[in-house]
C-alpha atoms as a PDB file:
ATOM      1  CA  MET A   1       0.000   0.000   0.000  1.00  0.00           C
ATOM      2  CA  ASP A   2       1.641   3.192  -1.143  1.00  0.00           C
ATOM      3  CA  HIS A   3       0.804   6.722  -0.160  1.00  0.00           C
ATOM      4  CA  PRO A   4       1.597   9.968  -2.026  1.00  0.00           C
ATOM      5  CA  ARG A   5       4.359  10.598   0.507  1.00  0.00           C
ATOM      6  CA  GLY A   6       5.207   6.986   1.099  1.00  0.00           C
ATOM      7  CA  GLU A   7       7.862   6.103  -1.437  1.00  0.00           C
ATOM      8  CA  GLY A   8      11.332   5.418  -0.079  1.00  0.00           C
ATOM      9  CA  ASN A   9      10.294   5.498   3.559  1.00  0.00           C
ATOM     10  CA  ASP A  10      11.809   2.162   4.643  1.00  0.00           C
ATOM     11  CA  LEU A  11      14.094   2.695   7.635  1.00  0.00           C
ATOM     12  CA  ARG A  12      16.782   0.615   9.275  1.00  0.00           C
ATOM     13  CA  PRO A  13      15.551  -1.241  12.377  1.00  0.00           C
ATOM     14  CA  GLY A  14      17.430   1.039  14.750  1.00  0.00           C
ATOM     15  CA  GLU A  15      15.705   4.128  13.368  1.00  0.00           C
ATOM     16  CA  ASP A  16      12.115   2.993  13.972  1.00  0.00           C
ATOM     17  CA  PRO A  17      11.300   0.907  17.056  1.00  0.00           C
ATOM     18  CA  LEU A  18       8.173  -0.512  15.414  1.00  0.00           C
ATOM     19  CA  LEU A  19      10.095  -2.266  12.619  1.00  0.00           C
ATOM     20  CA  GLY A  20      10.265  -5.928  13.549  1.00  0.00           C
ATOM     21  CA  ALA A  21       7.870  -5.454  16.479  1.00  0.00           C
ATOM     22  CA  THR A  22       4.942  -7.806  17.109  1.00  0.00           C
ATOM     23  CA  LEU A  23       1.486  -6.354  17.676  1.00  0.00           C
ATOM     24  CA  GLY A  24      -0.757  -9.228  18.661  1.00  0.00           C
ATOM     25  CA  ASP A  25      -0.901 -11.519  15.628  1.00  0.00           C
ATOM     26  CA  TYR A  26       0.934  -9.033  13.399  1.00  0.00           C
ATOM     27  CA  GLN A  27       4.674  -8.607  12.832  1.00  0.00           C
ATOM     28  CA  VAL A  28       5.656  -5.199  11.467  1.00  0.00           C
ATOM     29  CA  ARG A  29       7.901  -5.528   8.408  1.00  0.00           C
ATOM     30  CA  HIS A  30       8.263  -2.244   6.496  1.00  0.00           C
ATOM     31  CA  ARG A  31       7.321   1.403   6.767  1.00  0.00           C
ATOM     32  CA  VAL A  32       5.547   2.294   3.525  1.00  0.00           C
ATOM     33  CA  GLY A  33       3.956   5.714   3.924  1.00  0.00           C
ATOM     34  CA  GLU A  34       2.586   8.470   6.096  1.00  0.00           C
ATOM     35  CA  GLY A  35      -0.291  10.901   6.205  1.00  0.00           C
ATOM     36  CA  GLY A  36      -1.531  13.783   8.287  1.00  0.00           C
ATOM     37  CA  ILE A  37      -2.186  11.787  11.450  1.00  0.00           C
ATOM     38  CA  GLY A  38      -0.723   8.333  10.818  1.00  0.00           C
ATOM     39  CA  ILE A  39       2.270   6.314   9.640  1.00  0.00           C
ATOM     40  CA  VAL A  40       1.503   3.244   7.533  1.00  0.00           C
ATOM     41  CA  TYR A  41       3.439  -0.018   7.857  1.00  0.00           C
ATOM     42  CA  GLN A  42       3.324  -3.301   6.011  1.00  0.00           C
ATOM     43  CA  ALA A  43       2.933  -6.199   8.456  1.00  0.00           C
ATOM     44  CA  LEU A  44       2.468  -9.955   8.340  1.00  0.00           C
ATOM     45  CA  GLN A  45      -0.441 -11.706  10.018  1.00  0.00           C
ATOM     46  CA  GLN A  46       1.465 -14.627  11.503  1.00  0.00           C
ATOM     47  CA  SER A  47      -1.473 -17.020  11.847  1.00  0.00           C
ATOM     48  CA  THR A  48      -2.400 -16.788   8.151  1.00  0.00           C
ATOM     49  CA  GLY A  49       0.700 -15.431   6.379  1.00  0.00           C
ATOM     50  CA  ARG A  50      -1.436 -12.584   5.026  1.00  0.00           C
ATOM     51  CA  ARG A  51       0.075  -9.152   4.390  1.00  0.00           C
ATOM     52  CA  VAL A  52      -1.762  -6.290   6.067  1.00  0.00           C
ATOM     53  CA  ALA A  53      -1.352  -2.541   6.452  1.00  0.00           C
ATOM     54  CA  ILE A  54      -1.160  -0.984   9.917  1.00  0.00           C
ATOM     55  CA  LYS A  55      -1.792   2.741  10.361  1.00  0.00           C
ATOM     56  CA  VAL A  56      -0.255   4.006  13.606  1.00  0.00           C
ATOM     57  CA  LEU A  57      -0.923   7.410  15.127  1.00  0.00           C
ATOM     58  CA  ARG A  58       2.110   9.673  14.640  1.00  0.00           C
ATOM     59  CA  PRO A  59       4.334   9.976  17.782  1.00  0.00           C
ATOM     60  CA  GLU A  60       3.961  13.755  17.968  1.00  0.00           C
ATOM     61  CA  LEU A  61       0.173  13.324  18.113  1.00  0.00           C
ATOM     62  CA  SER A  62       0.179  10.726  20.879  1.00  0.00           C
ATOM     63  CA  SER A  63      -1.012  13.292  23.418  1.00  0.00           C
ATOM     64  CA  SER A  64      -3.721  14.652  21.109  1.00  0.00           C
ATOM     65  CA  PRO A  65      -7.154  13.264  22.036  1.00  0.00           C
ATOM     66  CA  LYS A  66      -8.566  14.724  18.817  1.00  0.00           C
ATOM     67  CA  SER A  67      -6.112  12.809  16.609  1.00  0.00           C
ATOM     68  CA  ALA A  68      -6.631   9.553  18.490  1.00  0.00           C
ATOM     69  CA  ARG A  69     -10.365  10.016  18.235  1.00  0.00           C
ATOM     70  CA  ARG A  70     -10.109  10.583  14.483  1.00  0.00           C
ATOM     71  CA  LEU A  71      -8.303   7.271  14.026  1.00  0.00           C
ATOM     72  CA  LEU A  72     -10.970   5.496  16.047  1.00  0.00           C
ATOM     73  CA  GLU A  73     -13.659   7.330  14.067  1.00  0.00           C
ATOM     74  CA  GLU A  74     -12.244   5.609  10.985  1.00  0.00           C
ATOM     75  CA  VAL A  75     -12.789   2.240  12.643  1.00  0.00           C
ATOM     76  CA  GLN A  76     -16.349   3.175  13.556  1.00  0.00           C
ATOM     77  CA  ALA A  77     -17.090   4.546  10.100  1.00  0.00           C
ATOM     78  CA  VAL A  78     -15.986   1.599   7.976  1.00  0.00           C
ATOM     79  CA  GLY A  79     -15.708  -1.294  10.424  1.00  0.00           C
ATOM     80  CA  ALA A  80     -19.140  -2.647   9.540  1.00  0.00           C
ATOM     81  CA  ILE A  81     -19.031  -1.808   5.811  1.00  0.00           C
ATOM     82  CA  ARG A  82     -17.869  -4.519   3.441  1.00  0.00           C
ATOM     83  CA  HIS A  83     -17.532  -3.581  -0.212  1.00  0.00           C
ATOM     84  CA  PRO A  84     -14.882  -4.151  -2.915  1.00  0.00           C
ATOM     85  CA  SER A  85     -14.504  -0.372  -3.417  1.00  0.00           C
ATOM     86  CA  ILE A  86     -13.876   0.383   0.283  1.00  0.00           C
ATOM     87  CA  VAL A  87     -10.664  -0.597   2.048  1.00  0.00           C
ATOM     88  CA  GLU A  88     -11.356  -3.425   4.492  1.00  0.00           C
ATOM     89  CA  THR A  89     -10.737  -2.713   8.165  1.00  0.00           C
ATOM     90  CA  LEU A  90      -9.562  -5.766  10.101  1.00  0.00           C
ATOM     91  CA  GLY A  91      -9.191  -4.395  13.628  1.00  0.00           C
ATOM     92  CA  TRP A  92      -7.491  -1.894  15.896  1.00  0.00           C
ATOM     93  CA  GLY A  93      -5.426  -1.715  19.051  1.00  0.00           C
ATOM     94  CA  GLN A  94      -2.985   0.313  21.105  1.00  0.00           C
ATOM     95  CA  LEU A  95       0.794   0.102  21.148  1.00  0.00           C
ATOM     96  CA  PRO A  96       2.018  -1.470  24.403  1.00  0.00           C
ATOM     97  CA  SER A  97       4.945   0.948  24.525  1.00  0.00           C
ATOM     98  CA  ASP A  98       3.148   4.308  24.534  1.00  0.00           C
ATOM     99  CA  GLY A  99      -0.555   3.610  24.079  1.00  0.00           C
ATOM    100  CA  ARG A 100      -0.797   5.051  20.570  1.00  0.00           C
ATOM    101  CA  CYS A 101      -3.782   3.779  18.605  1.00  0.00           C
ATOM    102  CA  TYR A 102      -3.319   1.744  15.442  1.00  0.00           C
ATOM    103  CA  LEU A 103      -5.658   0.518  12.729  1.00  0.00           C
ATOM    104  CA  VAL A 104      -5.221  -2.770  10.813  1.00  0.00           C
ATOM    105  CA  MET A 105      -6.401  -2.804   7.187  1.00  0.00           C
ATOM    106  CA  GLU A 106      -6.083  -4.942   4.095  1.00  0.00           C
ATOM    107  CA  TYR A 107      -2.802  -4.411   2.238  1.00  0.00           C
ATOM    108  CA  LEU A 108      -3.103  -2.933  -1.258  1.00  0.00           C
ATOM    109  CA  ASP A 109      -0.652  -3.138  -4.148  1.00  0.00           C
ATOM    110  CA  GLY A 110      -0.881  -0.160  -6.462  1.00  0.00           C
ATOM    111  CA  VAL A 111      -0.808   3.635  -6.423  1.00  0.00           C
ATOM    112  CA  SER A 112      -3.081   6.436  -5.330  1.00  0.00           C
ATOM    113  CA  LEU A 113      -5.263   8.039  -7.964  1.00  0.00           C
ATOM    114  CA  GLU A 114      -3.298  11.224  -7.295  1.00  0.00           C
ATOM    115  CA  GLN A 115      -0.081   9.474  -8.325  1.00  0.00           C
ATOM    116  CA  LEU A 116      -1.803   8.030 -11.391  1.00  0.00           C
ATOM    117  CA  LEU A 117      -2.939  11.504 -12.420  1.00  0.00           C
ATOM    118  CA  GLU A 118       0.616  12.824 -12.168  1.00  0.00           C
ATOM    119  CA  LYS A 119       1.713  10.255 -14.751  1.00  0.00           C
ATOM    120  CA  GLU A 120      -1.285   9.851 -17.063  1.00  0.00           C
ATOM    121  CA  ALA A 121      -3.624  12.859 -16.844  1.00  0.00           C
ATOM    122  CA  PRO A 122      -5.875  13.590 -18.546  1.00  0.00           C
ATOM    123  CA  LEU A 123      -7.545  10.180 -18.753  1.00  0.00           C
ATOM    124  CA  CYS A 124      -9.893   9.193 -21.577  1.00  0.00           C
ATOM    125  CA  ALA A 125     -13.631   9.451 -20.934  1.00  0.00           C
ATOM    126  CA  ASP A 126     -14.190   5.677 -20.952  1.00  0.00           C
ATOM    127  CA  GLU A 127     -11.616   5.094 -18.225  1.00  0.00           C
ATOM    128  CA  VAL A 128     -12.843   8.058 -16.188  1.00  0.00           C
ATOM    129  CA  MET A 129     -16.390   6.700 -16.241  1.00  0.00           C
ATOM    130  CA  ALA A 130     -15.201   3.218 -15.229  1.00  0.00           C
ATOM    131  CA  LEU A 131     -13.227   4.600 -12.269  1.00  0.00           C
ATOM    132  CA  LEU A 132     -16.017   6.944 -11.182  1.00  0.00           C
ATOM    133  CA  ASP A 133     -18.534   4.101 -11.297  1.00  0.00           C
ATOM    134  CA  GLN A 134     -16.508   2.162  -8.719  1.00  0.00           C
ATOM    135  CA  VAL A 135     -16.031   5.216  -6.501  1.00  0.00           C
ATOM    136  CA  LEU A 136     -19.757   5.945  -6.625  1.00  0.00           C
ATOM    137  CA  GLU A 137     -20.668   2.338  -5.898  1.00  0.00           C
ATOM    138  CA  GLY A 138     -18.546   2.424  -2.739  1.00  0.00           C
ATOM    139  CA  LEU A 139     -19.937   5.801  -1.695  1.00  0.00           C
ATOM    140  CA  GLY A 140     -23.479   4.573  -2.276  1.00  0.00           C
ATOM    141  CA  VAL A 141     -22.921   1.693   0.151  1.00  0.00           C
ATOM    142  CA  ALA A 142     -21.387   4.070   2.712  1.00  0.00           C
ATOM    143  CA  HIS A 143     -24.248   6.556   2.342  1.00  0.00           C
ATOM    144  CA  ALA A 144     -26.802   3.760   2.798  1.00  0.00           C
ATOM    145  CA  ALA A 145     -25.061   2.960   6.101  1.00  0.00           C
ATOM    146  CA  GLY A 146     -25.343   6.600   7.176  1.00  0.00           C
ATOM    147  CA  VAL A 147     -21.671   7.390   6.504  1.00  0.00           C
ATOM    148  CA  VAL A 148     -20.621  10.550   4.613  1.00  0.00           C
ATOM    149  CA  HIS A 149     -16.923  10.495   3.687  1.00  0.00           C
ATOM    150  CA  ARG A 150     -16.351  14.301   3.685  1.00  0.00           C
ATOM    151  CA  ASP A 151     -12.872  14.023   2.109  1.00  0.00           C
ATOM    152  CA  VAL A 152     -13.301  12.371  -1.293  1.00  0.00           C
ATOM    153  CA  LYS A 153     -10.249  13.268  -3.392  1.00  0.00           C
ATOM    154  CA  ALA A 154      -7.668  11.643  -5.662  1.00  0.00           C
ATOM    155  CA  GLY A 155      -5.256  11.173  -2.750  1.00  0.00           C
ATOM    156  CA  ASN A 156      -7.844   9.148  -0.813  1.00  0.00           C
ATOM    157  CA  ILE A 157      -8.558   6.731  -3.644  1.00  0.00           C
ATOM    158  CA  PHE A 158      -6.221   3.814  -4.271  1.00  0.00           C
ATOM    159  CA  VAL A 159      -5.909   2.088  -7.651  1.00  0.00           C
ATOM    160  CA  THR A 160      -5.028  -1.589  -7.905  1.00  0.00           C
ATOM    161  CA  SER A 161      -4.805  -3.956 -10.858  1.00  0.00           C
ATOM    162  CA  ALA A 162      -7.413  -6.701 -11.134  1.00  0.00           C
ATOM    163  CA  ALA A 163      -7.439  -9.792 -13.335  1.00  0.00           C
ATOM    164  CA  GLY A 164      -7.019  -8.934 -17.005  1.00  0.00           C
ATOM    165  CA  GLY A 165      -5.359  -5.608 -16.236  1.00  0.00           C
ATOM    166  CA  ALA A 166      -8.579  -3.805 -15.276  1.00  0.00           C
ATOM    167  CA  ARG A 167      -8.178  -1.123 -12.648  1.00  0.00           C
ATOM    168  CA  ARG A 168      -9.972  -1.409  -9.302  1.00  0.00           C
ATOM    169  CA  VAL A 169     -10.360   1.456  -6.868  1.00  0.00           C
ATOM    170  CA  LYS A 170     -10.505   1.512  -3.080  1.00  0.00           C
ATOM    171  CA  LEU A 171     -11.818   4.395  -1.000  1.00  0.00           C
ATOM    172  CA  LEU A 172      -9.425   5.204   1.856  1.00  0.00           C
ATOM    173  CA  ASP A 173      -9.215   7.440   4.920  1.00  0.00           C
ATOM    174  CA  PHE A 174     -12.643   7.646   6.514  1.00  0.00           C
ATOM    175  CA  GLY A 175     -11.115   9.511   9.455  1.00  0.00           C
ATOM    176  CA  LEU A 176     -13.219  12.611   8.719  1.00  0.00           C
ATOM    177  CA  ALA A 177     -16.349  10.637   7.879  1.00  0.00           C
ATOM    178  CA  MET A 178     -19.702  11.673   9.309  1.00  0.00           C
ATOM    179  CA  HIS A 179     -21.532   8.661  10.716  1.00  0.00           C
ATOM    180  CA  PRO A 180     -24.393   8.159  13.184  1.00  0.00           C
ATOM    181  CA  GLY A 181     -22.085   7.981  16.230  1.00  0.00           C
ATOM    182  CA  ARG A 182     -20.198  11.143  15.337  1.00  0.00           C
ATOM    183  CA  SER A 183     -23.422  12.966  14.392  1.00  0.00           C
ATOM    184  CA  ALA A 184     -24.870  12.242  17.848  1.00  0.00           C
ATOM    185  CA  ARG A 185     -21.708  13.467  19.577  1.00  0.00           C
ATOM    186  CA  MET A 186     -21.690  16.665  17.520  1.00  0.00           C
ATOM    187  CA  ARG A 187     -25.289  17.364  18.508  1.00  0.00           C
ATOM    188  CA  LEU A 188     -24.351  16.932  22.170  1.00  0.00           C
ATOM    189  CA  THR A 189     -21.083  18.886  22.135  1.00  0.00           C
ATOM    190  CA  GLY A 190     -21.773  21.455  19.436  1.00  0.00           C
ATOM    191  CA  GLU A 191     -18.599  20.368  17.636  1.00  0.00           C
ATOM    192  CA  SER A 192     -18.421  22.137  14.260  1.00  0.00           C
ATOM    193  CA  CYS A 193     -15.497  23.026  12.042  1.00  0.00           C
ATOM    194  CA  VAL A 194     -14.455  23.215   8.413  1.00  0.00           C
ATOM    195  CA  VAL A 195     -13.201  19.765   7.442  1.00  0.00           C
ATOM    196  CA  GLY A 196     -11.915  18.252   4.225  1.00  0.00           C
ATOM    197  CA  THR A 197      -9.537  19.304   1.485  1.00  0.00           C
ATOM    198  CA  PRO A 198     -10.143  22.823   0.055  1.00  0.00           C
ATOM    199  CA  ASP A 199      -9.525  21.761  -3.564  1.00  0.00           C
ATOM    200  CA  TYR A 200     -12.421  19.268  -3.369  1.00  0.00           C
ATOM    201  CA  MET A 201     -14.659  20.930  -0.774  1.00  0.00           C
ATOM    202  CA  ALA A 202     -18.380  21.347  -1.371  1.00  0.00           C
ATOM    203  CA  PRO A 203     -19.665  24.946  -1.077  1.00  0.00           C
ATOM    204  CA  GLU A 204     -21.845  24.157   1.951  1.00  0.00           C
ATOM    205  CA  LEU A 205     -18.869  22.732   3.841  1.00  0.00           C
ATOM    206  CA  THR A 206     -16.922  25.973   3.361  1.00  0.00           C
ATOM    207  CA  GLN A 207     -19.807  27.643   5.236  1.00  0.00           C
ATOM    208  CA  ARG A 208     -19.718  25.032   8.044  1.00  0.00           C
ATOM    209  CA  GLU A 209     -23.088  23.629   7.054  1.00  0.00           C
ATOM    210  CA  PRO A 210     -23.830  19.932   7.718  1.00  0.00           C
ATOM    211  CA  ALA A 211     -22.269  17.393   5.367  1.00  0.00           C
ATOM    212  CA  THR A 212     -24.650  15.214   3.342  1.00  0.00           C
ATOM    213  CA  ALA A 213     -24.331  12.633   0.597  1.00  0.00           C
ATOM    214  CA  GLN A 214     -24.591  15.520  -1.874  1.00  0.00           C
ATOM    215  CA  SER A 215     -21.418  16.986  -0.353  1.00  0.00           C
ATOM    216  CA  ASP A 216     -19.560  13.821  -1.353  1.00  0.00           C
ATOM    217  CA  LEU A 217     -21.119  14.010  -4.832  1.00  0.00           C
ATOM    218  CA  TYR A 218     -19.759  17.540  -5.269  1.00  0.00           C
ATOM    219  CA  SER A 219     -16.294  16.167  -4.493  1.00  0.00           C
ATOM    220  CA  VAL A 220     -16.896  13.431  -7.070  1.00  0.00           C
ATOM    221  CA  GLY A 221     -17.615  16.222  -9.560  1.00  0.00           C
ATOM    222  CA  VAL A 222     -14.267  17.841  -8.743  1.00  0.00           C
ATOM    223  CA  LEU A 223     -12.608  14.433  -9.085  1.00  0.00           C
ATOM    224  CA  ALA A 224     -14.251  13.876 -12.482  1.00  0.00           C
ATOM    225  CA  PHE A 225     -13.091  17.328 -13.636  1.00  0.00           C
ATOM    226  CA  HIS A 226      -9.553  16.528 -12.464  1.00  0.00           C
ATOM    227  CA  LEU A 227      -9.488  13.144 -14.220  1.00  0.00           C
ATOM    228  CA  LEU A 228     -10.872  14.501 -17.489  1.00  0.00           C
ATOM    229  CA  THR A 229      -8.730  17.638 -17.743  1.00  0.00           C
ATOM    230  CA  GLY A 230      -5.633  17.007 -15.623  1.00  0.00           C
ATOM    231  CA  ARG A 231      -6.337  20.112 -13.526  1.00  0.00           C
ATOM    232  CA  LEU A 232      -8.689  21.291 -10.789  1.00  0.00           C
ATOM    233  CA  PRO A 233     -11.684  23.541 -11.506  1.00  0.00           C
ATOM    234  CA  PHE A 234     -10.472  26.251  -9.125  1.00  0.00           C
ATOM    235  CA  ILE A 235      -6.821  27.218  -8.670  1.00  0.00           C
ATOM    236  CA  ALA A 236      -5.848  30.058  -6.326  1.00  0.00           C
ATOM    237  CA  PRO A 237      -2.834  31.160  -4.243  1.00  0.00           C
ATOM    238  CA  SER A 238      -4.366  30.170  -0.899  1.00  0.00           C
ATOM    239  CA  ALA A 239      -6.720  27.584   0.563  1.00  0.00           C
ATOM    240  CA  HIS A 240      -9.060  30.374   1.673  1.00  0.00           C
ATOM    241  CA  GLU A 241      -9.354  31.696  -1.889  1.00  0.00           C
ATOM    242  CA  VAL A 242      -9.983  28.202  -3.248  1.00  0.00           C
ATOM    243  CA  MET A 243     -12.776  27.677  -0.711  1.00  0.00           C
ATOM    244  CA  ARG A 244     -14.237  31.069  -1.605  1.00  0.00           C
ATOM    245  CA  ALA A 245     -14.253  30.080  -5.283  1.00  0.00           C
ATOM    246  CA  HIS A 246     -16.066  26.826  -4.505  1.00  0.00           C
ATOM    247  CA  ALA A 247     -18.655  28.810  -2.565  1.00  0.00           C
ATOM    248  CA  ARG A 248     -19.210  31.679  -5.018  1.00  0.00           C
ATOM    249  CA  GLU A 249     -17.673  31.267  -8.469  1.00  0.00           C
ATOM    250  CA  VAL A 250     -19.153  29.437 -11.430  1.00  0.00           C
ATOM    251  CA  PRO A 251     -16.877  26.497 -12.281  1.00  0.00           C
ATOM    252  CA  PRO A 252     -15.480  26.251 -15.823  1.00  0.00           C
ATOM    253  CA  ARG A 253     -16.677  23.454 -18.076  1.00  0.00           C
ATOM    254  CA  PRO A 254     -14.276  20.526 -18.578  1.00  0.00           C
ATOM    255  CA  LEU A 255     -14.687  21.033 -22.333  1.00  0.00           C
ATOM    256  CA  LEU A 256     -12.892  24.369 -22.059  1.00  0.00           C
ATOM    257  CA  PHE A 257      -9.692  22.517 -21.193  1.00  0.00           C
ATOM    258  CA  GLU A 258     -10.117  19.155 -22.943  1.00  0.00           C
ATOM    259  CA  SER A 259     -11.968  19.037 -26.258  1.00  0.00           C
ATOM    260  CA  SER A 260     -12.302  15.233 -26.226  1.00  0.00           C
ATOM    261  CA  VAL A 261     -14.722  15.245 -23.265  1.00  0.00           C
ATOM    262  CA  PRO A 262     -18.167  14.044 -24.409  1.00  0.00           C
ATOM    263  CA  VAL A 263     -20.812  16.768 -24.133  1.00  0.00           C
ATOM    264  CA  GLU A 264     -23.059  14.535 -22.037  1.00  0.00           C
ATOM    265  CA  LEU A 265     -20.285  13.832 -19.536  1.00  0.00           C
ATOM    266  CA  ASP A 266     -19.381  17.528 -19.431  1.00  0.00           C
ATOM    267  CA  ALA A 267     -23.005  18.327 -18.514  1.00  0.00           C
ATOM    268  CA  LEU A 268     -23.059  15.688 -15.752  1.00  0.00           C
ATOM    269  CA  VAL A 269     -19.881  17.090 -14.189  1.00  0.00           C
ATOM    270  CA  MET A 270     -21.448  20.563 -14.138  1.00  0.00           C
ATOM    271  CA  ARG A 271     -24.545  19.185 -12.377  1.00  0.00           C
ATOM    272  CA  LEU A 272     -22.317  17.565  -9.754  1.00  0.00           C
ATOM    273  CA  LEU A 273     -20.605  20.930  -9.262  1.00  0.00           C
ATOM    274  CA  ALA A 274     -23.863  22.792  -8.623  1.00  0.00           C
ATOM    275  CA  LYS A 275     -23.616  25.230  -5.708  1.00  0.00           C
ATOM    276  CA  ARG A 276     -26.870  24.124  -4.081  1.00  0.00           C
ATOM    277  CA  PRO A 277     -26.963  20.485  -2.877  1.00  0.00           C
ATOM    278  CA  ALA A 278     -30.569  20.220  -4.075  1.00  0.00           C
ATOM    279  CA  ASP A 279     -29.429  20.954  -7.641  1.00  0.00           C
ATOM    280  CA  ARG A 280     -27.021  18.000  -7.673  1.00  0.00           C
ATOM    281  CA  PRO A 281     -28.039  14.431  -8.517  1.00  0.00           C
ATOM    282  CA  PRO A 282     -30.041  12.865  -5.669  1.00  0.00           C
ATOM    283  CA  SER A 283     -27.714   9.944  -4.952  1.00  0.00           C
ATOM    284  CA  ALA A 284     -24.531   8.131  -5.917  1.00  0.00           C
ATOM    285  CA  GLU A 285     -26.649   5.457  -7.598  1.00  0.00           C
ATOM    286  CA  ALA A 286     -28.403   8.109  -9.707  1.00  0.00           C
ATOM    287  CA  VAL A 287     -24.998   9.311 -10.945  1.00  0.00           C
ATOM    288  CA  ARG A 288     -24.004   5.710 -11.752  1.00  0.00           C
ATOM    289  CA  GLN A 289     -27.166   5.283 -13.806  1.00  0.00           C
ATOM    290  CA  GLU A 290     -26.411   8.500 -15.675  1.00  0.00           C
ATOM    291  CA  LEU A 291     -22.859   7.299 -16.394  1.00  0.00           C
ATOM    292  CA  PHE A 292     -24.310   4.034 -17.714  1.00  0.00           C
ATOM    293  CA  ARG A 293     -26.641   5.935 -20.074  1.00  0.00           C
ATOM    294  CA  ILE A 294     -23.770   8.112 -21.302  1.00  0.00           C
ATOM    295  CA  ALA A 295     -21.510   5.084 -21.882  1.00  0.00           C
ATOM    296  CA  ARG A 296     -24.287   3.265 -23.761  1.00  0.00           C
ATOM    297  CA  HIS A 297     -25.009   6.317 -25.910  1.00  0.00           C
ATOM    298  CA  LEU A 298     -21.346   6.732 -26.782  1.00  0.00           C
ATOM    299  CA  ALA A 299     -21.103   3.025 -27.677  1.00  0.00           C
ATOM    300  CA  GLU A 300     -24.160   3.276 -29.948  1.00  0.00           C
ATOM    301  CA  HIS A 301     -23.051   6.561 -31.522  1.00  0.00           C
ATOM    302  CA  PRO A 302     -19.242   6.447 -31.664  1.00  0.00           C
ATOM    303  CA  ARG A 303     -17.534   9.658 -32.593  1.00  0.00           C
ATOM    304  CA  ARG A 304     -14.904   9.772 -35.270  1.00  0.00           C
ATOM    305  CA  LYS A 305     -11.622   8.704 -33.696  1.00  0.00           C
ATOM    306  CA  ARG A 306      -9.168  11.498 -33.219  1.00  0.00           C
ATOM    307  CA  LYS A 307      -6.275  12.275 -31.004  1.00  0.00           C
ATOM    308  CA  PRO A 308      -7.529  14.354 -28.066  1.00  0.00           C
ATOM    309  CA  ARG A 309      -6.222  17.882 -27.978  1.00  0.00           C
ATOM    310  CA  THR A 310      -6.704  20.433 -25.271  1.00  0.00           C
ATOM    311  CA  ALA A 311      -8.372  23.726 -26.102  1.00  0.00           C
ATOM    312  CA  LEU A 312      -5.111  25.509 -25.257  1.00  0.00           C
ATOM    313  CA  ALA A 313      -3.216  23.373 -27.760  1.00  0.00           C
ATOM    314  CA  MET A 314      -5.811  24.109 -30.443  1.00  0.00           C
ATOM    315  CA  ILE A 315      -5.520  27.856 -29.817  1.00  0.00           C
ATOM    316  CA  ALA A 316      -1.717  27.612 -30.007  1.00  0.00           C
ATOM    317  CA  LEU A 317      -1.947  25.821 -33.355  1.00  0.00           C
ATOM    318  CA  ALA A 318      -4.281  28.510 -34.682  1.00  0.00           C
ATOM    319  CA  VAL A 319      -1.879  31.264 -33.590  1.00  0.00           C
ATOM    320  CA  LEU A 320       1.056  29.512 -35.275  1.00  0.00           C
ATOM    321  CA  ALA A 321      -0.933  29.066 -38.462  1.00  0.00           C
ATOM    322  CA  SER A 322      -1.837  32.773 -38.517  1.00  0.00           C
ATOM    323  CA  ALA A 323       1.791  33.769 -37.923  1.00  0.00           C
ATOM    324  CA  ALA A 324       2.938  31.559 -40.776  1.00  0.00           C
ATOM    325  CA  ALA A 325       0.343  33.098 -43.113  1.00  0.00           C
ATOM    326  CA  LEU A 326       1.435  36.638 -42.212  1.00  0.00           C
ATOM    327  CA  ALA A 327       5.091  35.757 -42.783  1.00  0.00           C
ATOM    328  CA  TYR A 328       4.212  34.311 -46.177  1.00  0.00           C
ATOM    329  CA  LEU A 329       2.374  37.485 -47.210  1.00  0.00           C
ATOM    330  CA  ALA A 330       5.198  39.687 -45.916  1.00  0.00           C
ATOM    331  CA  LEU A 331       7.591  37.860 -48.197  1.00  0.00           C
ATOM    332  CA  GLY A 332       5.369  38.592 -51.163  1.00  0.00           C
ATOM    333  CA  GLY A 333       3.977  35.107 -51.429  1.00  0.00           C
ATOM    334  CA  ARG A 334       7.330  33.628 -52.522  1.00  0.00           C
END
């Protein structure tokens, strides 16, 4: 299981006391990545020989009740959900040395969708729709269980290879998820804050309004835009300005940046990016059905094959052509 910041993180045993340690039935083998609150290790389940991933709360956060609670929230959020598009949670515990919490998950071979985008963006419409369908299927199951992810983004989606080379996705990091237990606590304590990643944040979340399934669908719209164009809909110097844009500015159409995007898919992305939750599709399953209709329509009415070109590239070609024509005329047509 890799992480955007996880490459090349293996340490010598003397540098990390957890390497080689035994946590119950698990022997820690390698350090493979790290995130905002946790460090991820590859471990071996000794009773079965199965590889697993163990996310351990970072040492500097060991005295932070909020961070420990977030890791346990992840267990609560996904512990009872079983779906091929959601990372499987196997258990949790506390380190005997310092009491830090850890989470045991299935081990994944592959890369994050963020890493995939760095190498291959933009992706073709067919592949984008196939990936989004899996993300939406997983979200639909979570939403049916009363769980809202609240941080859907390319960095929290893992891509693995299935039989035949097909790509499978796994939703990760439910540490910010809204679920029935957390909702009840928030009602009792009045806990409220802006959560999530600004680049993917739904407008209502920037205003500290309650997260709903439609908030996740907005993030899916941002993800679709990113996959189709290789860029985000709003780019600004600061997180505050990005959040302000999500709340107030009209997003650009994917077609403005990538001319190969099907018109129907472009329209669906814009509906997902609607400012008002009520103007977005009603559910993840509704979006999946719309993707199915678009894919079927494209299969029945194939467009003439051409090499995709971005709008910027097309404008550049037009400018070069005009310059060449002017130079020709200046030389008297020789």
